[in-house]
Amino acid sequence: MQLTTYAPYAAILRWRGEGKFRQTVDYAHKQHDKLILTGVSLEAGQAIFPDPIEVFYHPIELEQYLECIYDTKAAYHNDQFNPNDPILKLQEQLL
């Protein structure tokens, strides 16, 4: 699980890390105290920023969110909606 921190939030990214850890020890709890755990924004280009509306108040909400995390960042991006996909132009012509 990967987190980004933008006080007062800690956002859980929608993809897993690659296991490449930093060589320096730098923990978020040393910089921030009592962060609010959230999901990330679904807006284009905002995938690492917290969504203050999606705060996890109950363990079940967190569990459901964690079940939807992709194995890699590439898998996450491959599954995103592309409004410029040529198939959409074809569908528009057929409709």
C-alpha atoms as a PDB file:
ATOM      1  CA  MET A   1       0.000   0.000   0.000  1.00  0.00           C
ATOM      2  CA  GLN A   2       1.253   3.475  -0.859  1.00  0.00           C
ATOM      3  CA  LEU A   3       0.234   6.713   0.822  1.00  0.00           C
ATOM      4  CA  THR A   4       0.676  10.356  -0.010  1.00  0.00           C
ATOM      5  CA  THR A   5       0.410  12.928   2.724  1.00  0.00           C
ATOM      6  CA  TYR A   6      -1.053  16.385   2.362  1.00  0.00           C
ATOM      7  CA  ALA A   7      -1.856  17.462   5.894  1.00  0.00           C
ATOM      8  CA  PRO A   8      -4.338  16.933   7.364  1.00  0.00           C
ATOM      9  CA  TYR A   9      -4.886  13.988   4.963  1.00  0.00           C
ATOM     10  CA  ALA A  10      -3.132  10.737   4.126  1.00  0.00           C
ATOM     11  CA  ALA A  11      -4.417   9.353   0.826  1.00  0.00           C
ATOM     12  CA  ILE A  12      -4.142   5.692  -0.160  1.00  0.00           C
ATOM     13  CA  LEU A  13      -3.072   5.451  -3.790  1.00  0.00           C
ATOM     14  CA  ARG A  14      -5.100   3.200  -6.092  1.00  0.00           C
ATOM     15  CA  TRP A  15      -2.070   1.101  -7.078  1.00  0.00           C
ATOM     16  CA  ARG A  16       0.536  -0.917  -5.243  1.00  0.00           C
ATOM     17  CA  GLY A  17       4.194   0.024  -5.165  1.00  0.00           C
ATOM     18  CA  GLU A  18       7.003  -1.849  -6.898  1.00  0.00           C
ATOM     19  CA  GLY A  19       8.944  -2.625  -3.736  1.00  0.00           C
ATOM     20  CA  LYS A  20      11.578   0.019  -4.475  1.00  0.00           C
ATOM     21  CA  PHE A  21      12.049   1.632  -1.102  1.00  0.00           C
ATOM     22  CA  ARG A  22      13.942   4.816  -0.356  1.00  0.00           C
ATOM     23  CA  GLN A  23      17.370   4.470   1.157  1.00  0.00           C
ATOM     24  CA  THR A  24      16.698   7.272   3.660  1.00  0.00           C
ATOM     25  CA  VAL A  25      14.377   6.833   6.586  1.00  0.00           C
ATOM     26  CA  ASP A  26      11.608   9.404   6.205  1.00  0.00           C
ATOM     27  CA  TYR A  27       8.310   8.561   7.830  1.00  0.00           C
ATOM     28  CA  ALA A  28       5.139  10.648   7.519  1.00  0.00           C
ATOM     29  CA  HIS A  29       4.383  10.380  11.233  1.00  0.00           C
ATOM     30  CA  LYS A  30       7.534  12.397  11.958  1.00  0.00           C
ATOM     31  CA  GLN A  31       6.209  15.266   9.833  1.00  0.00           C
ATOM     32  CA  HIS A  32       2.484  15.025  10.506  1.00  0.00           C
ATOM     33  CA  ASP A  33       0.418  13.932  13.460  1.00  0.00           C
ATOM     34  CA  LYS A  34      -3.121  12.527  13.403  1.00  0.00           C
ATOM     35  CA  LEU A  35      -3.683  12.439   9.631  1.00  0.00           C
ATOM     36  CA  ILE A  36      -7.164  11.705   8.250  1.00  0.00           C
ATOM     37  CA  LEU A  37      -7.152   8.598   6.042  1.00  0.00           C
ATOM     38  CA  THR A  38      -8.827   9.136   2.648  1.00  0.00           C
ATOM     39  CA  GLY A  39      -9.061   7.796  -0.859  1.00  0.00           C
ATOM     40  CA  VAL A  40      -7.614   9.759  -3.760  1.00  0.00           C
ATOM     41  CA  SER A  41      -9.218  12.193  -6.157  1.00  0.00           C
ATOM     42  CA  LEU A  42     -10.753  10.702  -9.290  1.00  0.00           C
ATOM     43  CA  GLU A  43     -10.179  13.857 -11.344  1.00  0.00           C
ATOM     44  CA  ALA A  44      -7.762  13.517 -14.271  1.00  0.00           C
ATOM     45  CA  GLY A  45      -4.201  14.306 -13.237  1.00  0.00           C
ATOM     46  CA  GLN A  46      -5.091  14.276  -9.535  1.00  0.00           C
ATOM     47  CA  ALA A  47      -4.491  10.570  -8.779  1.00  0.00           C
ATOM     48  CA  ILE A  48      -2.113  11.214  -5.866  1.00  0.00           C
ATOM     49  CA  PHE A  49      -4.108  13.897  -4.098  1.00  0.00           C
ATOM     50  CA  PRO A  50      -6.558  13.183  -1.262  1.00  0.00           C
ATOM     51  CA  ASP A  51     -10.294  13.319  -1.764  1.00  0.00           C
ATOM     52  CA  PRO A  52     -11.587  15.001   1.419  1.00  0.00           C
ATOM     53  CA  ILE A  53     -15.069  13.664   0.652  1.00  0.00           C
ATOM     54  CA  GLU A  54     -13.854  10.044   0.713  1.00  0.00           C
ATOM     55  CA  VAL A  55     -12.794   9.814   4.366  1.00  0.00           C
ATOM     56  CA  PHE A  56     -12.735   6.311   5.832  1.00  0.00           C
ATOM     57  CA  TYR A  57     -14.867   6.415   8.967  1.00  0.00           C
ATOM     58  CA  HIS A  58     -15.489   2.676   9.223  1.00  0.00           C
ATOM     59  CA  PRO A  59     -13.197  -0.332   8.689  1.00  0.00           C
ATOM     60  CA  ILE A  60     -15.618  -1.778   6.122  1.00  0.00           C
ATOM     61  CA  GLU A  61     -15.287   1.352   3.943  1.00  0.00           C
ATOM     62  CA  LEU A  62     -11.504   1.011   4.081  1.00  0.00           C
ATOM     63  CA  GLU A  63     -11.660  -2.712   3.297  1.00  0.00           C
ATOM     64  CA  GLN A  64     -13.858  -2.095   0.243  1.00  0.00           C
ATOM     65  CA  TYR A  65     -11.470   0.587  -1.006  1.00  0.00           C
ATOM     66  CA  LEU A  66      -8.431  -1.662  -0.526  1.00  0.00           C
ATOM     67  CA  GLU A  67     -10.082  -4.437  -2.543  1.00  0.00           C
ATOM     68  CA  CYS A  68     -10.108  -2.100  -5.581  1.00  0.00           C
ATOM     69  CA  ILE A  69      -6.398  -1.266  -5.550  1.00  0.00           C
ATOM     70  CA  TYR A  70      -4.512  -2.244  -8.703  1.00  0.00           C
ATOM     71  CA  ASP A  71      -1.365  -4.368  -8.600  1.00  0.00           C
ATOM     72  CA  THR A  72       0.656  -1.774 -10.528  1.00  0.00           C
ATOM     73  CA  LYS A  73       0.466   1.866 -11.566  1.00  0.00           C
ATOM     74  CA  ALA A  74       0.488   0.735 -15.222  1.00  0.00           C
ATOM     75  CA  ALA A  75      -2.583  -1.466 -14.622  1.00  0.00           C
ATOM     76  CA  TYR A  76      -4.330   1.477 -12.993  1.00  0.00           C
ATOM     77  CA  HIS A  77      -3.617   3.763 -15.952  1.00  0.00           C
ATOM     78  CA  ASN A  78      -4.552   1.086 -18.502  1.00  0.00           C
ATOM     79  CA  ASP A  79      -7.974   0.761 -16.914  1.00  0.00           C
ATOM     80  CA  GLN A  80      -8.761   4.483 -16.999  1.00  0.00           C
ATOM     81  CA  PHE A  81     -11.422   5.903 -19.276  1.00  0.00           C
ATOM     82  CA  ASN A  82      -9.999   7.486 -22.422  1.00  0.00           C
ATOM     83  CA  PRO A  83     -12.409  10.061 -23.900  1.00  0.00           C
ATOM     84  CA  ASN A  84     -10.330  10.103 -27.116  1.00  0.00           C
ATOM     85  CA  ASP A  85     -10.631   6.361 -27.689  1.00  0.00           C
ATOM     86  CA  PRO A  86     -11.453   5.762 -31.390  1.00  0.00           C
ATOM     87  CA  ILE A  87     -14.170   3.269 -30.430  1.00  0.00           C
ATOM     88  CA  LEU A  88     -16.168   6.131 -28.919  1.00  0.00           C
ATOM     89  CA  LYS A  89     -16.090   7.998 -32.244  1.00  0.00           C
ATOM     90  CA  LEU A  90     -17.385   4.877 -33.979  1.00  0.00           C
ATOM     91  CA  GLN A  91     -20.152   4.455 -31.405  1.00  0.00           C
ATOM     92  CA  GLU A  92     -21.110   8.117 -31.849  1.00  0.00           C
ATOM     93  CA  GLN A  93     -21.438   7.596 -35.622  1.00  0.00           C
ATOM     94  CA  LEU A  94     -23.566   4.492 -35.126  1.00  0.00           C
ATOM     95  CA  LEU A  95     -25.915   6.291 -32.754  1.00  0.00           C
END
